[in-house]
Amino acid sequence: MEHLNIGQNYIHGNIPSELVSITLLQFFSVEKNNFTGTLRDSLFNLSALQPLSFMTNQLTGHLPKDVGRFLPNLQSLAMSDNNFDGPLQQYVDQCPRKP
């Protein structure tokens, strides 16, 4: 599977580990649900991801400081309307740039 969109449902609890173990995912969206907890580290091992959206949930914590290195193909990241904390600058500094 390359695309997974389970957005705009009423799913609650943690993001299931089974979802972030599909290594060929290029598109991943769990936006507009009621997910709680922190983002699983294994989510950042999906190096083929291009768009990634987990906006409008109740997620907490922060992005790993070196996430930009682990998601080299990431083109868009939507994470608004959650309860994240910590600096974002480290992530932005490590994101690949288009020439």
N, C-alpha and C. Protein backbone atom coordinates (compact mmCIF):
# COMPACT_ATOMS: atom_id res chain seq x y z
N MET A 1 0.84 -1.17 0.00
CA MET A 1 0.00 0.00 0.00
C MET A 1 0.89 1.24 0.00
N GLU A 2 0.52 2.22 -0.84
CA GLU A 2 1.29 3.46 -0.92
C GLU A 2 0.55 4.66 -0.36
N HIS A 3 -0.78 4.60 -0.35
CA HIS A 3 -1.59 5.72 0.13
C HIS A 3 -2.51 5.25 1.26
N LEU A 4 -2.51 6.01 2.35
CA LEU A 4 -3.39 5.70 3.46
C LEU A 4 -4.00 7.00 3.97
N ASN A 5 -5.30 7.11 3.83
CA ASN A 5 -6.03 8.28 4.29
C ASN A 5 -7.20 7.81 5.14
N ILE A 6 -7.11 8.04 6.43
CA ILE A 6 -8.22 7.70 7.33
C ILE A 6 -8.69 8.98 8.03
N GLY A 7 -8.58 10.08 7.32
CA GLY A 7 -8.96 11.38 7.87
C GLY A 7 -10.46 11.53 8.00
N GLN A 8 -10.84 12.50 8.82
CA GLN A 8 -12.21 12.93 9.03
C GLN A 8 -13.12 11.80 9.51
N ASN A 9 -12.65 11.12 10.51
CA ASN A 9 -13.44 10.10 11.19
C ASN A 9 -13.48 10.47 12.67
N TYR A 10 -13.98 9.61 13.48
CA TYR A 10 -14.00 9.85 14.91
C TYR A 10 -13.13 8.83 15.63
N ILE A 11 -12.01 8.51 15.02
CA ILE A 11 -11.09 7.52 15.59
C ILE A 11 -10.37 8.17 16.77
N HIS A 12 -10.26 7.45 17.87
CA HIS A 12 -9.61 8.01 19.04
C HIS A 12 -8.56 7.06 19.58
N GLY A 13 -7.78 7.53 20.51
CA GLY A 13 -6.69 6.74 21.08
C GLY A 13 -5.38 7.08 20.38
N ASN A 14 -4.39 6.25 20.57
CA ASN A 14 -3.09 6.45 19.93
C ASN A 14 -3.16 6.04 18.46
N ILE A 15 -2.27 6.61 17.65
CA ILE A 15 -2.16 6.16 16.26
C ILE A 15 -1.63 4.73 16.30
N PRO A 16 -2.36 3.77 15.74
CA PRO A 16 -1.95 2.36 15.82
C PRO A 16 -0.58 2.10 15.18
N SER A 17 0.22 1.31 15.84
CA SER A 17 1.56 1.00 15.33
C SER A 17 1.50 0.27 13.99
N GLU A 18 0.42 -0.46 13.74
CA GLU A 18 0.28 -1.17 12.47
C GLU A 18 0.23 -0.20 11.29
N LEU A 19 -0.30 0.98 11.51
CA LEU A 19 -0.40 1.96 10.42
C LEU A 19 0.96 2.52 10.04
N VAL A 20 1.83 2.68 11.01
CA VAL A 20 3.12 3.28 10.72
C VAL A 20 4.20 2.24 10.43
N SER A 21 3.78 1.00 10.21
CA SER A 21 4.75 -0.03 9.85
C SER A 21 4.61 -0.44 8.38
N ILE A 22 3.80 0.29 7.63
CA ILE A 22 3.64 0.01 6.20
C ILE A 22 4.74 0.78 5.48
N THR A 23 5.85 0.14 5.25
CA THR A 23 7.08 0.83 4.85
C THR A 23 7.04 1.49 3.48
N LEU A 24 6.12 1.11 2.61
CA LEU A 24 6.07 1.71 1.28
C LEU A 24 5.16 2.93 1.19
N LEU A 25 4.62 3.37 2.32
CA LEU A 25 3.69 4.50 2.29
C LEU A 25 4.35 5.75 1.72
N GLN A 26 3.64 6.37 0.78
CA GLN A 26 4.06 7.65 0.23
C GLN A 26 3.14 8.78 0.68
N PHE A 27 1.90 8.45 1.03
CA PHE A 27 0.90 9.41 1.47
C PHE A 27 0.29 8.88 2.76
N PHE A 28 0.29 9.70 3.81
CA PHE A 28 -0.23 9.26 5.10
C PHE A 28 -1.02 10.41 5.71
N SER A 29 -2.30 10.20 5.95
CA SER A 29 -3.13 11.22 6.56
C SER A 29 -4.06 10.61 7.60
N VAL A 30 -3.98 11.17 8.80
CA VAL A 30 -4.89 10.81 9.88
C VAL A 30 -5.56 12.07 10.41
N GLU A 31 -5.66 13.08 9.56
CA GLU A 31 -6.17 14.38 10.00
C GLU A 31 -7.64 14.32 10.39
N LYS A 32 -8.01 15.24 11.26
CA LYS A 32 -9.39 15.45 11.71
C LYS A 32 -9.99 14.19 12.33
N ASN A 33 -9.27 13.65 13.30
CA ASN A 33 -9.76 12.56 14.13
C ASN A 33 -9.63 13.00 15.58
N ASN A 34 -9.59 12.08 16.48
CA ASN A 34 -9.40 12.38 17.89
C ASN A 34 -8.22 11.59 18.46
N PHE A 35 -7.16 11.47 17.68
CA PHE A 35 -5.99 10.74 18.16
C PHE A 35 -5.33 11.53 19.28
N THR A 36 -4.81 10.79 20.26
CA THR A 36 -4.13 11.39 21.41
C THR A 36 -2.76 10.76 21.54
N GLY A 37 -1.99 11.25 22.48
CA GLY A 37 -0.67 10.70 22.73
C GLY A 37 0.38 11.37 21.87
N THR A 38 1.55 10.78 21.83
CA THR A 38 2.66 11.32 21.05
C THR A 38 2.77 10.60 19.72
N LEU A 39 3.53 11.19 18.82
CA LEU A 39 3.78 10.54 17.53
C LEU A 39 4.76 9.40 17.73
N ARG A 40 4.47 8.29 17.12
CA ARG A 40 5.36 7.13 17.22
C ARG A 40 6.65 7.38 16.44
N ASP A 41 7.78 6.99 17.03
CA ASP A 41 9.06 7.15 16.35
C ASP A 41 9.09 6.44 15.01
N SER A 42 8.40 5.30 14.93
CA SER A 42 8.41 4.53 13.68
C SER A 42 7.78 5.30 12.52
N LEU A 43 6.96 6.29 12.81
CA LEU A 43 6.39 7.13 11.75
C LEU A 43 7.49 7.81 10.96
N PHE A 44 8.58 8.13 11.62
CA PHE A 44 9.67 8.85 10.98
C PHE A 44 10.66 7.92 10.29
N ASN A 45 10.33 6.65 10.20
CA ASN A 45 11.12 5.69 9.43
C ASN A 45 10.51 5.43 8.06
N LEU A 46 9.41 6.09 7.75
CA LEU A 46 8.73 5.91 6.47
C LEU A 46 9.34 6.88 5.46
N SER A 47 10.51 6.55 4.98
CA SER A 47 11.30 7.50 4.19
C SER A 47 10.70 7.84 2.83
N ALA A 48 9.71 7.10 2.35
CA ALA A 48 9.09 7.40 1.07
C ALA A 48 7.98 8.45 1.18
N LEU A 49 7.59 8.81 2.42
CA LEU A 49 6.49 9.75 2.60
C LEU A 49 6.75 11.07 1.88
N GLN A 50 5.70 11.55 1.23
CA GLN A 50 5.76 12.86 0.57
C GLN A 50 4.85 13.83 1.31
N PRO A 51 3.53 13.65 1.29
CA PRO A 51 2.71 14.44 2.21
C PRO A 51 2.45 13.65 3.48
N LEU A 52 2.45 14.36 4.59
CA LEU A 52 2.17 13.77 5.89
C LEU A 52 1.25 14.72 6.64
N SER A 53 0.09 14.22 7.05
CA SER A 53 -0.85 15.09 7.75
C SER A 53 -1.43 14.40 8.97
N PHE A 54 -1.25 15.05 10.12
CA PHE A 54 -1.89 14.60 11.34
C PHE A 54 -2.52 15.78 12.06
N MET A 55 -2.97 16.78 11.27
CA MET A 55 -3.57 17.97 11.85
C MET A 55 -4.95 17.69 12.43
N THR A 56 -5.38 18.56 13.32
CA THR A 56 -6.69 18.52 13.96
C THR A 56 -6.93 17.20 14.69
N ASN A 57 -6.06 16.93 15.63
CA ASN A 57 -6.20 15.82 16.56
C ASN A 57 -5.90 16.37 17.95
N GLN A 58 -5.52 15.53 18.86
CA GLN A 58 -5.16 15.97 20.20
C GLN A 58 -3.79 15.41 20.56
N LEU A 59 -2.88 15.43 19.60
CA LEU A 59 -1.55 14.87 19.78
C LEU A 59 -0.68 15.81 20.60
N THR A 60 0.28 15.24 21.31
CA THR A 60 1.18 16.01 22.17
C THR A 60 2.63 15.64 21.87
N GLY A 61 3.54 16.28 22.56
CA GLY A 61 4.95 16.00 22.39
C GLY A 61 5.56 16.91 21.34
N HIS A 62 6.62 16.44 20.70
CA HIS A 62 7.31 17.24 19.71
C HIS A 62 7.91 16.35 18.63
N LEU A 63 8.30 16.98 17.53
CA LEU A 63 8.97 16.25 16.46
C LEU A 63 10.39 15.91 16.89
N PRO A 64 10.89 14.75 16.51
CA PRO A 64 12.29 14.45 16.79
C PRO A 64 13.19 15.49 16.15
N LYS A 65 14.30 15.84 16.82
CA LYS A 65 15.15 16.92 16.32
C LYS A 65 15.77 16.64 14.97
N ASP A 66 15.92 15.39 14.59
CA ASP A 66 16.55 15.06 13.31
C ASP A 66 15.56 14.46 12.31
N VAL A 67 14.28 14.79 12.45
CA VAL A 67 13.25 14.22 11.59
C VAL A 67 13.49 14.57 10.11
N GLY A 68 14.06 15.70 9.81
CA GLY A 68 14.32 16.09 8.43
C GLY A 68 15.22 15.12 7.69
N ARG A 69 16.12 14.49 8.40
CA ARG A 69 17.00 13.50 7.77
C ARG A 69 16.29 12.20 7.48
N PHE A 70 15.28 11.85 8.28
CA PHE A 70 14.61 10.57 8.14
C PHE A 70 13.45 10.60 7.15
N LEU A 71 13.01 11.78 6.76
CA LEU A 71 11.92 11.91 5.78
C LEU A 71 12.43 12.74 4.60
N PRO A 72 13.37 12.20 3.84
CA PRO A 72 14.01 12.99 2.79
C PRO A 72 13.09 13.36 1.62
N ASN A 73 11.99 12.66 1.44
CA ASN A 73 11.08 12.94 0.32
C ASN A 73 9.88 13.79 0.72
N LEU A 74 9.83 14.19 1.98
CA LEU A 74 8.68 14.94 2.47
C LEU A 74 8.52 16.27 1.74
N GLN A 75 7.32 16.48 1.18
CA GLN A 75 7.02 17.70 0.45
C GLN A 75 6.07 18.60 1.22
N SER A 76 5.21 18.01 2.05
CA SER A 76 4.31 18.82 2.87
C SER A 76 4.07 18.13 4.21
N LEU A 77 3.94 18.96 5.23
CA LEU A 77 3.71 18.49 6.58
C LEU A 77 2.61 19.34 7.19
N ALA A 78 1.49 18.73 7.56
CA ALA A 78 0.38 19.44 8.19
C ALA A 78 0.22 18.92 9.61
N MET A 79 0.46 19.79 10.59
CA MET A 79 0.40 19.36 11.98
C MET A 79 -0.33 20.36 12.86
N SER A 80 -1.12 21.25 12.28
CA SER A 80 -1.81 22.28 13.05
C SER A 80 -2.94 21.67 13.89
N ASP A 81 -3.41 22.46 14.83
CA ASP A 81 -4.54 22.08 15.69
C ASP A 81 -4.27 20.82 16.51
N ASN A 82 -3.11 20.80 17.15
CA ASN A 82 -2.74 19.76 18.10
C ASN A 82 -2.17 20.46 19.33
N ASN A 83 -1.50 19.73 20.17
CA ASN A 83 -0.90 20.29 21.39
C ASN A 83 0.59 20.03 21.43
N PHE A 84 1.27 20.25 20.32
CA PHE A 84 2.71 20.01 20.25
C PHE A 84 3.47 21.10 20.99
N ASP A 85 4.67 20.76 21.42
CA ASP A 85 5.54 21.74 22.05
C ASP A 85 6.95 21.56 21.52
N GLY A 86 7.83 22.42 21.96
CA GLY A 86 9.23 22.34 21.56
C GLY A 86 9.53 23.12 20.30
N PRO A 87 10.80 23.23 19.97
CA PRO A 87 11.22 24.05 18.81
C PRO A 87 10.92 23.35 17.48
N LEU A 88 10.56 24.14 16.52
CA LEU A 88 10.34 23.63 15.17
C LEU A 88 11.54 23.95 14.28
N GLN A 89 12.34 24.91 14.66
CA GLN A 89 13.45 25.37 13.83
C GLN A 89 14.41 24.25 13.47
N GLN A 90 14.72 23.35 14.40
CA GLN A 90 15.65 22.26 14.09
C GLN A 90 15.13 21.41 12.95
N TYR A 91 13.82 21.16 12.94
CA TYR A 91 13.23 20.38 11.86
C TYR A 91 13.37 21.11 10.54
N VAL A 92 13.01 22.36 10.53
CA VAL A 92 13.04 23.16 9.30
C VAL A 92 14.46 23.24 8.75
N ASP A 93 15.44 23.40 9.61
CA ASP A 93 16.83 23.50 9.17
C ASP A 93 17.32 22.23 8.49
N GLN A 94 16.77 21.08 8.82
CA GLN A 94 17.24 19.81 8.28
C GLN A 94 16.44 19.30 7.09
N CYS A 95 15.40 20.01 6.73
CA CYS A 95 14.59 19.58 5.59
C CYS A 95 15.35 19.75 4.29
N PRO A 96 15.22 18.79 3.39
CA PRO A 96 15.87 18.93 2.09
C PRO A 96 15.30 20.14 1.35
N ARG A 97 16.12 20.80 0.59
CA ARG A 97 15.72 21.98 -0.16
C ARG A 97 15.74 21.67 -1.64
N LYS A 98 14.79 22.24 -2.35
CA LYS A 98 14.80 22.11 -3.82
C LYS A 98 15.86 23.06 -4.38
N PRO A 99 16.56 22.62 -5.41
CA PRO A 99 17.60 23.51 -5.99
C PRO A 99 17.00 24.72 -6.68
